[in-house]
N, C-alpha and C. Protein backbone atom coordinates (compact mmCIF):
# COMPACT_ATOMS: atom_id res chain seq x y z
N MET A 1 1.25 -5.71 6.03
CA MET A 1 2.30 -7.11 6.56
C MET A 1 3.49 -6.53 7.22
N GLN A 2 3.08 -7.81 8.52
CA GLN A 2 3.66 -7.79 9.55
C GLN A 2 5.57 -7.69 9.48
N PRO A 3 5.97 -6.73 10.33
CA PRO A 3 7.41 -7.04 9.90
C PRO A 3 8.07 -8.52 10.94
N PHE A 4 9.20 -8.62 9.91
CA PHE A 4 9.82 -9.66 10.54
C PHE A 4 11.64 -8.96 10.83
N ILE A 5 11.59 -8.65 12.05
CA ILE A 5 13.30 -8.86 12.78
C ILE A 5 13.32 -9.74 13.55
N ARG A 6 13.07 -10.29 14.93
CA ARG A 6 13.19 -11.51 15.69
C ARG A 6 12.24 -12.26 15.55
N LEU A 7 12.58 -13.92 15.17
CA LEU A 7 11.17 -14.94 16.16
C LEU A 7 11.92 -15.48 17.02
N ASP A 8 11.33 -15.88 17.88
CA ASP A 8 11.74 -16.70 18.50
C ASP A 8 10.76 -18.04 19.08
N ALA A 9 10.80 -18.85 18.76
CA ALA A 9 9.69 -19.64 18.41
C ALA A 9 9.59 -21.13 18.38
N LYS A 10 9.41 -21.95 18.84
CA LYS A 10 9.34 -23.15 19.05
C LYS A 10 9.62 -24.20 17.38
N ALA A 11 10.31 -24.92 16.83
CA ALA A 11 10.72 -25.41 15.24
C ALA A 11 10.22 -26.31 15.46
N ALA A 12 9.22 -26.58 14.27
CA ALA A 12 9.08 -28.60 13.91
C ALA A 12 9.99 -28.87 12.66
N PRO A 13 9.94 -30.31 13.25
CA PRO A 13 10.64 -31.15 11.70
C PRO A 13 10.65 -31.72 11.15
N LEU A 14 10.25 -31.49 10.05
CA LEU A 14 9.34 -31.37 8.73
C LEU A 14 10.51 -32.44 7.87
N ASP A 15 10.71 -33.52 8.03
CA ASP A 15 12.26 -34.28 7.50
C ASP A 15 11.60 -34.61 6.28
N ILE A 16 10.98 -34.01 5.16
CA ILE A 16 10.50 -34.15 3.61
C ILE A 16 11.36 -33.83 3.01
N ASP A 17 11.56 -34.01 1.82
CA ASP A 17 11.93 -33.69 0.28
C ASP A 17 11.57 -33.75 -0.67
N ASN A 18 11.01 -32.46 -1.24
CA ASN A 18 10.08 -32.26 -2.46
C ASN A 18 9.03 -31.84 -1.89
N LEU A 19 8.36 -31.66 -1.40
CA LEU A 19 7.46 -30.92 -0.50
C LEU A 19 6.89 -29.82 -0.96
N ASP A 20 5.62 -30.57 -2.01
CA ASP A 20 5.02 -29.87 -3.07
C ASP A 20 4.10 -28.98 -2.24
N THR A 21 3.73 -27.85 -3.74
CA THR A 21 2.80 -26.50 -2.74
C THR A 21 1.30 -27.56 -2.64
N ASP A 22 1.04 -27.81 -3.59
CA ASP A 22 -0.36 -29.17 -3.42
C ASP A 22 0.16 -30.04 -2.23
N GLN A 23 0.71 -30.52 -1.47
CA GLN A 23 0.82 -30.99 -0.44
C GLN A 23 0.53 -29.61 0.48
N ILE A 24 1.67 -28.57 0.88
CA ILE A 24 0.87 -27.73 1.65
C ILE A 24 -0.09 -26.89 1.70
N ILE A 25 -1.07 -26.75 0.66
CA ILE A 25 -2.16 -26.12 0.81
C ILE A 25 -3.09 -27.01 -0.49
N PRO A 26 -3.98 -27.89 -0.68
CA PRO A 26 -4.15 -28.79 -1.29
C PRO A 26 -4.96 -27.79 -2.55
N LYS A 27 -5.62 -28.81 -3.28
CA LYS A 27 -6.22 -27.97 -4.22
C LYS A 27 -7.71 -27.01 -3.63
N GLN A 28 -8.17 -28.06 -3.39
CA GLN A 28 -9.67 -27.89 -2.78
C GLN A 28 -9.89 -26.34 -1.90
N PHE A 29 -8.68 -26.17 -1.29
CA PHE A 29 -8.39 -24.66 -0.40
C PHE A 29 -8.37 -23.68 -0.88
N LEU A 30 -8.21 -23.87 -2.56
CA LEU A 30 -7.82 -22.34 -3.54
C LEU A 30 -9.04 -21.95 -3.64
N LYS A 31 -9.97 -22.23 -3.08
CA LYS A 31 -11.24 -21.08 -3.82
C LYS A 31 -11.78 -20.05 -2.91
N THR A 32 -10.88 -19.72 -2.20
CA THR A 32 -10.81 -18.00 -1.71
C THR A 32 -9.52 -17.07 -1.69
N VAL A 33 -10.27 -16.58 -2.04
CA VAL A 33 -8.80 -15.29 -2.24
C VAL A 33 -8.35 -14.74 -1.10
N GLU A 34 -9.39 -15.06 0.21
CA GLU A 34 -9.15 -14.59 1.57
C GLU A 34 -7.37 -15.25 2.12
N ARG A 35 -6.96 -14.73 2.76
CA ARG A 35 -5.96 -15.57 3.90
C ARG A 35 -5.90 -15.80 4.45
N GLU A 36 -7.20 -15.36 5.56
CA GLU A 36 -7.51 -16.30 6.76
C GLU A 36 -8.01 -17.39 6.89
N GLY A 37 -7.74 -18.06 7.76
CA GLY A 37 -9.06 -19.16 7.17
C GLY A 37 -8.10 -20.56 6.88
N LEU A 38 -6.76 -20.32 6.21
CA LEU A 38 -6.15 -21.55 5.19
C LEU A 38 -5.49 -22.32 6.06
N GLY A 39 -5.09 -22.24 7.43
CA GLY A 39 -3.94 -22.58 8.26
C GLY A 39 -5.09 -23.61 8.58
N LYS A 40 -6.28 -24.05 8.13
CA LYS A 40 -6.82 -24.92 8.18
C LYS A 40 -6.55 -26.02 7.20
N GLY A 41 -6.26 -25.64 6.31
CA GLY A 41 -6.11 -27.05 5.12
C GLY A 41 -4.61 -27.19 4.86
N LEU A 42 -3.28 -26.64 5.85
CA LEU A 42 -2.27 -26.39 6.25
C LEU A 42 -1.40 -28.30 5.87
N PHE A 43 -0.99 -28.89 5.01
CA PHE A 43 -0.67 -30.07 5.22
C PHE A 43 -2.01 -31.02 5.21
N TYR A 44 -2.91 -30.54 4.66
CA TYR A 44 -4.43 -31.73 5.36
C TYR A 44 -4.11 -32.72 4.62
N ASP A 45 -3.43 -33.37 3.22
CA ASP A 45 -3.04 -34.82 3.69
C ASP A 45 -2.56 -35.82 4.24
N LEU A 46 -1.29 -34.44 4.74
CA LEU A 46 -0.27 -35.15 5.71
C LEU A 46 -0.86 -35.40 7.54
N ARG A 47 -1.86 -34.28 7.56
CA ARG A 47 -1.86 -34.19 9.02
C ARG A 47 -3.48 -35.33 8.89
N PHE A 48 -3.90 -35.27 8.44
CA PHE A 48 -5.73 -36.22 8.21
C PHE A 48 -5.83 -37.02 7.84
N ASP A 49 -6.47 -38.53 8.23
CA ASP A 49 -7.12 -39.54 7.55
C ASP A 49 -8.12 -39.23 6.62
N GLU A 50 -8.38 -40.07 5.75
CA GLU A 50 -9.44 -39.96 4.82
C GLU A 50 -10.58 -39.21 6.01
N ALA A 51 -11.11 -39.93 6.83
CA ALA A 51 -11.98 -39.47 7.53
C ALA A 51 -11.85 -38.40 8.14
N GLY A 52 -10.75 -37.39 8.14
CA GLY A 52 -10.83 -36.12 8.81
C GLY A 52 -9.97 -35.71 10.39
N ALA A 53 -9.36 -37.67 10.29
CA ALA A 53 -8.91 -37.59 11.65
C ALA A 53 -7.78 -37.10 12.34
N PRO A 54 -6.89 -36.41 12.72
CA PRO A 54 -5.61 -36.53 12.91
C PRO A 54 -4.64 -37.86 12.83
N LYS A 55 -4.06 -37.82 12.01
CA LYS A 55 -2.92 -38.51 12.16
C LYS A 55 -2.10 -38.74 13.07
N PRO A 56 -1.87 -39.34 14.30
CA PRO A 56 -0.87 -39.42 15.36
C PRO A 56 0.86 -39.22 15.23
N ASP A 57 1.44 -39.49 13.32
CA ASP A 57 2.49 -40.14 13.15
C ASP A 57 3.13 -38.58 13.12
N PHE A 58 1.90 -37.53 12.76
CA PHE A 58 2.49 -36.24 11.64
C PHE A 58 2.76 -35.49 12.53
N VAL A 59 4.44 -35.14 12.40
CA VAL A 59 5.06 -34.18 13.48
C VAL A 59 4.14 -32.56 14.27
N LEU A 60 2.74 -32.32 13.38
CA LEU A 60 2.20 -30.92 14.27
C LEU A 60 1.02 -31.25 14.30
N ASN A 61 1.00 -32.61 14.54
CA ASN A 61 -0.37 -33.21 15.46
C ASN A 61 0.46 -33.71 16.59
N ASP A 62 1.93 -33.51 16.57
CA ASP A 62 2.43 -33.93 18.19
C ASP A 62 2.17 -32.45 19.03
N PRO A 63 1.59 -33.27 20.23
CA PRO A 63 1.44 -31.81 20.94
C PRO A 63 3.01 -30.76 21.05
N ARG A 64 3.69 -31.37 21.33
CA ARG A 64 5.35 -30.54 21.59
C ARG A 64 5.43 -29.98 20.58
N TYR A 65 5.21 -29.60 19.97
CA TYR A 65 4.97 -28.81 18.54
C TYR A 65 3.91 -28.03 18.42
N ALA A 66 2.89 -27.89 18.68
CA ALA A 66 1.68 -26.56 19.38
C ALA A 66 1.91 -25.49 19.13
N GLY A 67 1.97 -24.82 18.09
CA GLY A 67 2.28 -23.42 17.60
C GLY A 67 3.79 -23.22 17.49
N ALA A 68 4.18 -23.94 17.03
CA ALA A 68 5.40 -24.16 16.19
C ALA A 68 5.47 -22.94 15.04
N GLY A 69 6.76 -21.79 15.20
CA GLY A 69 6.36 -20.77 14.45
C GLY A 69 7.39 -21.16 13.55
N VAL A 70 8.62 -22.13 13.37
CA VAL A 70 9.54 -22.55 12.35
C VAL A 70 8.77 -23.84 12.14
N LEU A 71 9.74 -23.92 10.47
CA LEU A 71 9.62 -24.98 10.04
C LEU A 71 11.01 -25.46 9.85
N ILE A 72 12.04 -26.43 10.25
CA ILE A 72 13.17 -27.31 9.59
C ILE A 72 12.79 -28.18 8.82
N ALA A 73 12.67 -27.96 7.60
CA ALA A 73 12.24 -28.72 6.40
C ALA A 73 13.42 -29.00 5.41
N GLY A 74 12.60 -30.36 4.30
CA GLY A 74 13.62 -31.08 3.43
C GLY A 74 14.22 -30.10 2.86
N ASP A 75 14.73 -31.10 1.37
CA ASP A 75 15.47 -30.01 0.80
C ASP A 75 14.54 -29.46 -0.78
N ASN A 76 14.52 -28.89 -1.70
CA ASN A 76 13.52 -28.37 -2.50
C ASN A 76 12.11 -28.26 -1.81
N PHE A 77 12.00 -27.44 -0.76
CA PHE A 77 10.31 -26.79 0.08
C PHE A 77 9.29 -26.26 -1.06
N GLY A 78 8.53 -26.54 -0.95
CA GLY A 78 7.73 -25.32 -2.10
C GLY A 78 7.75 -25.89 -3.51
N CYS A 79 8.30 -26.52 -3.93
CA CYS A 79 7.65 -27.05 -5.17
C CYS A 79 6.82 -27.03 -6.21
N GLY A 80 6.39 -27.89 -6.98
CA GLY A 80 4.92 -27.43 -7.65
C GLY A 80 4.75 -26.51 -8.72
N SER A 81 3.17 -26.41 -8.64
CA SER A 81 2.37 -25.12 -9.12
C SER A 81 2.64 -24.15 -8.09
N SER A 82 2.80 -23.45 -8.85
CA SER A 82 2.96 -21.73 -8.32
C SER A 82 1.47 -21.46 -7.56
N ARG A 83 1.36 -21.25 -6.18
CA ARG A 83 0.24 -20.91 -5.71
C ARG A 83 0.16 -20.08 -4.06
N GLU A 84 -0.07 -18.91 -4.19
CA GLU A 84 0.41 -18.00 -3.38
C GLU A 84 -0.79 -18.21 -1.68
N HIS A 85 -1.14 -18.59 -2.40
CA HIS A 85 -1.82 -19.48 -1.06
C HIS A 85 -1.82 -20.13 -0.12
N ALA A 86 0.27 -21.02 -0.54
CA ALA A 86 1.00 -21.97 0.35
C ALA A 86 1.62 -20.47 1.30
N PRO A 87 2.32 -19.81 0.87
CA PRO A 87 2.84 -19.20 1.75
C PRO A 87 1.49 -18.25 3.14
N TRP A 88 0.20 -18.14 2.48
CA TRP A 88 -0.64 -17.88 3.07
C TRP A 88 -1.07 -18.85 4.40
N ALA A 89 -1.07 -20.23 3.88
CA ALA A 89 -1.73 -21.06 4.69
C ALA A 89 -0.45 -21.14 5.95
N LEU A 90 0.65 -21.26 5.39
CA LEU A 90 1.78 -21.35 6.81
C LEU A 90 1.66 -20.11 7.58
N LEU A 91 1.79 -18.66 6.92
CA LEU A 91 1.47 -17.84 7.95
C LEU A 91 0.03 -18.03 8.76
N ASP A 92 -1.48 -18.63 8.33
CA ASP A 92 -2.60 -18.44 8.58
C ASP A 92 -2.53 -19.24 9.83
N TYR A 93 -1.50 -20.64 9.63
CA TYR A 93 -1.08 -21.59 10.92
C TYR A 93 -0.31 -21.17 11.95
N GLY A 94 0.13 -19.86 11.42
CA GLY A 94 1.88 -19.67 12.77
C GLY A 94 2.98 -19.65 11.98
N VAL A 95 3.09 -20.21 11.02
CA VAL A 95 4.60 -20.27 10.85
C VAL A 95 5.19 -19.26 10.17
N ARG A 96 5.85 -17.99 10.61
CA ARG A 96 6.66 -17.35 10.22
C ARG A 96 8.09 -18.06 9.39
N CYS A 97 8.98 -19.28 10.03
CA CYS A 97 10.10 -18.90 9.00
C CYS A 97 9.87 -20.42 8.56
N VAL A 98 11.23 -20.61 7.58
CA VAL A 98 10.89 -22.06 7.05
C VAL A 98 12.44 -22.21 6.23
N VAL A 99 13.13 -23.52 7.37
CA VAL A 99 14.54 -23.31 6.84
C VAL A 99 14.49 -25.21 6.44
N ALA A 100 15.53 -24.47 5.42
CA ALA A 100 15.34 -25.83 4.08
C ALA A 100 17.06 -25.86 3.59
N PRO A 101 17.32 -27.11 3.30
CA PRO A 101 18.35 -26.76 2.23
C PRO A 101 18.35 -26.06 0.89
N SER A 102 17.41 -26.18 0.24
CA SER A 102 16.87 -25.40 -0.97
C SER A 102 15.39 -25.25 -0.96
N PHE A 103 14.60 -23.83 -1.54
CA PHE A 103 13.65 -23.86 -1.95
C PHE A 103 13.27 -23.77 -3.54
N ALA A 104 12.11 -23.78 -4.31
CA ALA A 104 11.29 -23.53 -5.68
C ALA A 104 11.39 -22.20 -5.71
N ASP A 105 12.02 -22.04 -6.66
CA ASP A 105 12.37 -20.30 -6.84
C ASP A 105 10.86 -19.56 -6.87
N ILE A 106 9.62 -19.81 -6.94
CA ILE A 106 8.33 -19.40 -6.96
C ILE A 106 7.95 -19.23 -5.74
N PHE A 107 7.86 -20.05 -5.21
CA PHE A 107 7.67 -20.32 -3.58
C PHE A 107 8.44 -19.44 -2.79
N TYR A 108 9.96 -19.17 -3.16
CA TYR A 108 11.12 -18.49 -2.02
C TYR A 108 10.58 -16.49 -2.55
N ASN A 109 10.03 -16.73 -3.54
CA ASN A 109 9.68 -15.36 -4.21
C ASN A 109 8.74 -15.09 -3.35
N ASN A 110 7.68 -15.95 -3.40
CA ASN A 110 6.05 -15.19 -3.22
C ASN A 110 6.25 -15.52 -1.33
N CYS A 111 7.59 -16.14 -0.38
CA CYS A 111 7.60 -16.17 1.26
C CYS A 111 8.18 -14.27 1.17
N PHE A 112 8.81 -13.66 0.43
CA PHE A 112 8.87 -12.49 0.58
C PHE A 112 7.63 -11.81 0.22
N GLN A 113 7.39 -11.67 -0.74
CA GLN A 113 5.83 -11.05 -0.67
C GLN A 113 4.62 -10.81 0.00
N ASN A 114 5.11 -12.15 1.13
CA ASN A 114 3.98 -11.83 2.24
C ASN A 114 4.55 -11.62 3.70
N GLY A 115 5.55 -11.84 3.97
CA GLY A 115 5.99 -12.09 5.05
C GLY A 115 7.13 -13.21 5.86
N LEU A 116 7.03 -14.09 4.89
CA LEU A 116 7.41 -15.55 5.47
C LEU A 116 8.74 -15.15 5.34
N LEU A 117 10.10 -15.78 5.85
CA LEU A 117 11.19 -15.74 5.68
C LEU A 117 11.53 -17.35 5.32
N PRO A 118 11.85 -17.32 4.47
CA PRO A 118 12.61 -18.48 4.17
C PRO A 118 14.16 -18.11 3.96
N VAL A 119 14.51 -19.45 4.97
CA VAL A 119 16.14 -20.33 5.59
C VAL A 119 16.64 -20.89 4.55
N ALA A 120 17.88 -20.36 3.71
CA ALA A 120 18.59 -21.33 2.60
C ALA A 120 19.42 -21.69 3.69
N LEU A 121 20.29 -22.96 4.46
CA LEU A 121 20.87 -23.12 4.52
C LEU A 121 22.07 -24.46 4.16
N PRO A 122 23.34 -24.89 4.20
CA PRO A 122 23.31 -25.82 3.68
C PRO A 122 22.83 -27.21 4.63
N ALA A 123 23.07 -28.03 3.78
CA ALA A 123 22.81 -29.22 4.16
C ALA A 123 22.79 -29.91 5.71
N ASP A 124 23.58 -30.24 5.78
CA ASP A 124 24.38 -30.36 7.47
C ASP A 124 23.92 -29.16 8.27
N GLN A 125 24.14 -27.63 8.57
CA GLN A 125 23.23 -27.58 9.14
C GLN A 125 22.09 -27.78 9.63
N VAL A 126 20.91 -28.16 8.47
CA VAL A 126 19.77 -28.03 8.55
C VAL A 126 19.50 -29.54 9.03
N ARG A 127 20.47 -30.35 9.01
CA ARG A 127 19.70 -31.52 9.61
C ARG A 127 20.50 -31.10 11.39
N ALA A 128 21.40 -30.42 11.48
CA ALA A 128 21.78 -30.43 12.39
C ALA A 128 20.67 -29.79 13.51
N LEU A 129 19.72 -28.45 12.84
CA LEU A 129 19.25 -27.63 13.39
C LEU A 129 17.67 -28.89 13.50
N MET A 130 17.78 -29.60 12.46
CA MET A 130 16.78 -30.55 12.74
C MET A 130 17.02 -31.40 14.09
N GLY A 131 17.66 -32.06 14.07
CA GLY A 131 18.00 -33.46 15.28
C GLY A 131 17.79 -32.30 16.60
N GLU A 132 18.25 -30.82 16.78
CA GLU A 132 17.65 -30.51 17.72
C GLU A 132 16.22 -29.82 18.02
N ALA A 133 15.46 -29.18 16.89
CA ALA A 133 14.32 -30.04 16.71
C ALA A 133 13.55 -30.84 17.28
N LYS A 134 13.59 -32.60 17.00
CA LYS A 134 13.04 -33.83 17.35
C LYS A 134 13.13 -34.04 18.73
N GLY A 135 13.89 -32.66 19.33
CA GLY A 135 13.91 -33.62 20.65
C GLY A 135 12.99 -32.77 21.42
N GLY A 136 11.72 -31.80 21.01
CA GLY A 136 10.40 -31.34 21.41
C GLY A 136 10.63 -30.13 21.49
N ASN A 137 10.28 -29.69 23.00
CA ASN A 137 9.69 -28.46 23.03
C ASN A 137 10.83 -27.53 23.65
N HIS A 138 11.46 -26.94 22.41
CA HIS A 138 12.38 -25.76 22.65
C HIS A 138 12.44 -24.78 21.53
N VAL A 139 13.35 -24.06 21.98
CA VAL A 139 12.50 -22.72 21.54
C VAL A 139 14.36 -22.32 20.20
N PHE A 140 13.38 -21.92 19.05
CA PHE A 140 14.64 -21.45 18.40
C PHE A 140 14.43 -19.91 17.86
N SER A 141 16.08 -19.45 17.68
CA SER A 141 15.99 -17.48 17.25
C SER A 141 16.31 -17.87 15.43
N VAL A 142 15.59 -17.18 15.33
CA VAL A 142 15.78 -16.34 14.21
C VAL A 142 15.83 -14.86 14.00
N ASP A 143 17.36 -14.51 13.40
CA ASP A 143 17.05 -12.93 13.75
C ASP A 143 17.83 -12.65 12.60
N LEU A 144 16.50 -12.00 12.06
CA LEU A 144 16.75 -11.46 11.10
C LEU A 144 17.84 -10.66 10.35
N GLU A 145 18.18 -9.69 11.41
CA GLU A 145 19.17 -8.35 11.19
C GLU A 145 20.58 -9.00 11.38
N SER A 146 20.73 -10.19 11.70
CA SER A 146 22.20 -10.58 11.98
C SER A 146 22.17 -11.85 11.45
N GLN A 147 20.95 -11.97 10.39
CA GLN A 147 20.85 -13.16 9.75
C GLN A 147 21.28 -14.23 10.17
N THR A 148 21.09 -14.83 10.83
CA THR A 148 21.37 -16.23 11.64
C THR A 148 20.38 -16.97 12.65
N VAL A 149 20.17 -18.21 12.37
CA VAL A 149 19.33 -19.20 13.47
C VAL A 149 20.50 -19.84 14.75
N THR A 150 19.57 -19.75 15.50
CA THR A 150 20.15 -20.03 17.23
C THR A 150 19.40 -21.00 17.56
N ALA A 151 20.20 -22.39 17.68
CA ALA A 151 19.50 -23.57 18.36
C ALA A 151 19.29 -23.39 19.55
N PRO A 152 18.57 -24.54 20.33
CA PRO A 152 18.72 -24.61 21.58
C PRO A 152 19.72 -24.84 22.61
N SER A 153 20.43 -25.32 21.55
CA SER A 153 22.10 -25.73 22.28
C SER A 153 23.63 -24.47 22.16
N GLY A 154 22.27 -23.46 21.60
CA GLY A 154 23.51 -22.09 20.88
C GLY A 154 24.16 -22.00 19.90
N ALA A 155 24.37 -23.37 19.00
CA ALA A 155 24.45 -23.43 17.81
C ALA A 155 23.60 -22.36 16.99
N ALA A 156 24.90 -21.27 16.43
CA ALA A 156 24.19 -20.24 15.28
C ALA A 156 24.25 -20.38 13.90
N PHE A 157 23.82 -20.71 13.35
CA PHE A 157 24.25 -20.70 11.63
C PHE A 157 23.97 -19.68 11.35
N ARG A 158 24.94 -18.90 9.87
CA ARG A 158 24.39 -17.56 9.04
C ARG A 158 23.52 -17.92 7.66
N PHE A 159 23.14 -16.72 7.79
CA PHE A 159 22.03 -17.16 6.24
C PHE A 159 22.71 -16.17 5.62
N GLU A 160 22.02 -16.52 4.43
CA GLU A 160 22.51 -15.01 3.27
C GLU A 160 21.70 -14.62 2.61
N ILE A 161 20.94 -13.56 2.21
CA ILE A 161 19.54 -12.64 2.10
C ILE A 161 19.64 -11.15 1.02
N ASP A 162 19.13 -11.33 0.15
CA ASP A 162 19.34 -10.47 -0.64
C ASP A 162 19.12 -8.76 0.03
N PRO A 163 19.76 -7.93 0.12
CA PRO A 163 19.80 -7.10 1.35
C PRO A 163 18.45 -6.18 0.88
N GLY A 164 18.21 -5.81 -0.44
CA GLY A 164 16.74 -5.47 -0.43
C GLY A 164 15.36 -5.85 0.15
N ARG A 165 15.60 -7.18 -0.08
CA ARG A 165 14.31 -8.28 0.59
C ARG A 165 14.46 -8.21 2.14
N LYS A 166 15.75 -8.14 2.76
CA LYS A 166 16.20 -7.89 3.98
C LYS A 166 14.95 -6.98 4.50
N GLU A 167 15.42 -5.69 3.68
CA GLU A 167 15.25 -4.26 4.28
C GLU A 167 13.17 -4.36 4.05
N LYS A 168 12.58 -5.06 3.67
CA LYS A 168 11.38 -4.82 3.23
C LYS A 168 10.80 -5.94 4.37
N LEU A 169 11.16 -6.64 4.40
CA LEU A 169 10.67 -7.21 5.20
C LEU A 169 10.92 -6.69 7.00
N LEU A 170 12.20 -6.50 7.16
CA LEU A 170 12.20 -5.61 8.45
C LEU A 170 11.50 -4.44 8.37
N LYS A 171 10.78 -4.04 7.31
CA LYS A 171 10.02 -2.65 8.29
C LYS A 171 8.26 -3.18 7.68
N GLY A 172 8.01 -4.91 6.93
CA GLY A 172 6.97 -4.96 6.72
C GLY A 172 6.50 -4.92 5.51
N LEU A 173 7.38 -4.88 4.50
CA LEU A 173 6.95 -4.22 2.96
C LEU A 173 6.17 -5.18 2.26
N ASP A 174 4.93 -5.26 1.64
CA ASP A 174 5.21 -5.75 0.24
C ASP A 174 5.17 -5.16 -1.24
N ALA A 175 4.93 -5.46 -1.76
CA ALA A 175 4.93 -4.76 -3.45
C ALA A 175 4.31 -3.64 -3.71
N ILE A 176 2.68 -3.32 -2.78
CA ILE A 176 2.37 -2.34 -2.94
C ILE A 176 3.09 -1.19 -1.48
N GLY A 177 3.38 -1.69 -0.48
CA GLY A 177 4.09 -1.07 0.64
C GLY A 177 5.10 -0.17 -0.06
N GLU A 178 5.64 -0.88 -0.51
CA GLU A 178 7.19 -0.36 -1.02
C GLU A 178 6.57 0.74 -1.89
N THR A 179 5.75 0.34 -3.04
CA THR A 179 5.29 1.54 -3.72
C THR A 179 4.85 2.84 -2.91
N LEU A 180 4.26 2.34 -2.43
CA LEU A 180 3.73 3.41 -1.42
C LEU A 180 4.84 4.59 -0.96
N GLN A 181 6.14 4.11 -0.48
CA GLN A 181 6.59 5.20 0.46
C GLN A 181 7.34 5.95 -0.85
N ALA A 182 6.72 6.08 -2.13
CA ALA A 182 7.40 6.87 -3.16
C ALA A 182 6.14 7.50 -3.07
N ALA A 183 5.04 7.60 -2.64
CA ALA A 183 3.62 8.55 -2.61
C ALA A 183 4.21 10.58 -3.20
N PRO A 184 4.20 10.02 -2.41
CA PRO A 184 5.18 11.73 -2.67
C PRO A 184 5.75 12.70 -3.75
N ALA A 185 6.60 11.06 -4.20
CA ALA A 185 7.35 11.53 -5.49
C ALA A 185 6.47 11.45 -6.36
N ILE A 186 5.58 10.60 -6.05
CA ILE A 186 4.94 9.89 -7.73
C ILE A 186 3.71 11.60 -7.57
N ASP A 187 3.34 11.87 -6.63
CA ASP A 187 2.47 12.99 -6.16
C ASP A 187 3.00 14.36 -7.30
N THR A 188 4.15 14.07 -7.20
CA THR A 188 5.22 15.72 -7.17
C THR A 188 4.95 15.68 -8.85
N PHE A 189 5.75 14.29 -9.47
CA PHE A 189 5.24 14.24 -10.61
C PHE A 189 3.91 14.34 -11.53
N GLU A 190 3.06 13.37 -11.29
CA GLU A 190 1.43 14.28 -11.72
C GLU A 190 1.31 15.68 -11.68
N HIS A 191 1.82 16.43 -10.56
CA HIS A 191 2.08 17.75 -10.84
C HIS A 191 2.30 18.46 -11.42
N ARG A 192 3.45 18.35 -11.77
CA ARG A 192 4.69 18.68 -12.83
C ARG A 192 3.84 18.64 -14.16
N LYS A 193 3.63 17.51 -14.42
CA LYS A 193 2.70 17.38 -15.71
C LYS A 193 1.91 17.20 -15.85
N ALA A 194 0.78 17.83 -14.79
CA ALA A 194 -0.36 18.35 -15.20
C ALA A 194 -0.29 20.04 -15.75
N LEU A 195 0.94 20.66 -15.17
CA LEU A 195 1.01 21.21 -15.36
C LEU A 195 1.33 21.97 -16.78
N SER A 196 2.85 21.03 -17.24
CA SER A 196 3.32 20.87 -18.21
C SER A 196 2.66 20.87 -19.18
N GLN A 197 1.36 19.45 -19.43
CA GLN A 197 1.21 18.81 -20.91
C GLN A 197 -0.27 18.44 -20.00
N PRO A 198 -0.99 20.11 -19.68
CA PRO A 198 -2.74 20.05 -19.10
C PRO A 198 -3.61 19.67 -20.43
N TRP A 199 -3.19 19.00 -21.48
CA TRP A 199 -3.85 18.15 -22.98
C TRP A 199 -3.61 16.51 -22.42
N LEU A 200 -3.19 16.36 -21.42
CA LEU A 200 -3.36 14.98 -21.37
C LEU A 200 -3.76 15.09 -19.85
N GLU A 201 -4.37 16.14 -19.59
CA GLU A 201 -5.50 15.61 -18.49
C GLU A 201 -6.83 15.34 -18.83
N PRO A 202 -7.54 14.16 -18.37
CA PRO A 202 -8.96 13.98 -17.63
C PRO A 202 -9.65 15.26 -17.85
N ALA A 203 -10.91 15.66 -19.42
CA ALA A 203 -11.91 16.84 -19.03
C ALA A 203 -13.10 16.96 -17.63
N ALA A 204 -12.66 17.50 -17.28
CA ALA A 204 -13.42 17.64 -15.80
C ALA A 204 -14.97 17.56 -15.99
């Protein structure tokens, strides 16, 4: 998993409350367990019409927001069914941080397991960031070490994050990577157990 330390990127304003996981990545894109390629399905029904043509009024189809790495979103982002494909699709599209007043719990937890930073800020601060993002091609800075989001105007807002989750994101550790950090201790335990309880070892 790629470490998250600091992100300097354009931010796209997605001013929609209660954006659920089926809107983030519709069910027809859930047939794969591969993470690559899911970006094409991100917000598919919002981005494209029935003929598959881009909808010109959707923010991610606006050339000013091409390559946006941050989403400034509405309240209760990621609600609905549990699907890990939602953070996968965001990451594959190039989004590494979502800022919103609140997130659905399961989506919020899935983000940390995949290297996507969900930042919860008070609604008035999100609204201020949204206003600056609507200005177009401007760079926002998300600094995990200092726990701040800085807008193009220089306005900075501090966010809270669990220290353990912060440490894992800074180091790029998912659940497997975190476990592997304890590999030497696990090997020592297994060796001692084999010596003290050899009857538990599988037959050669």
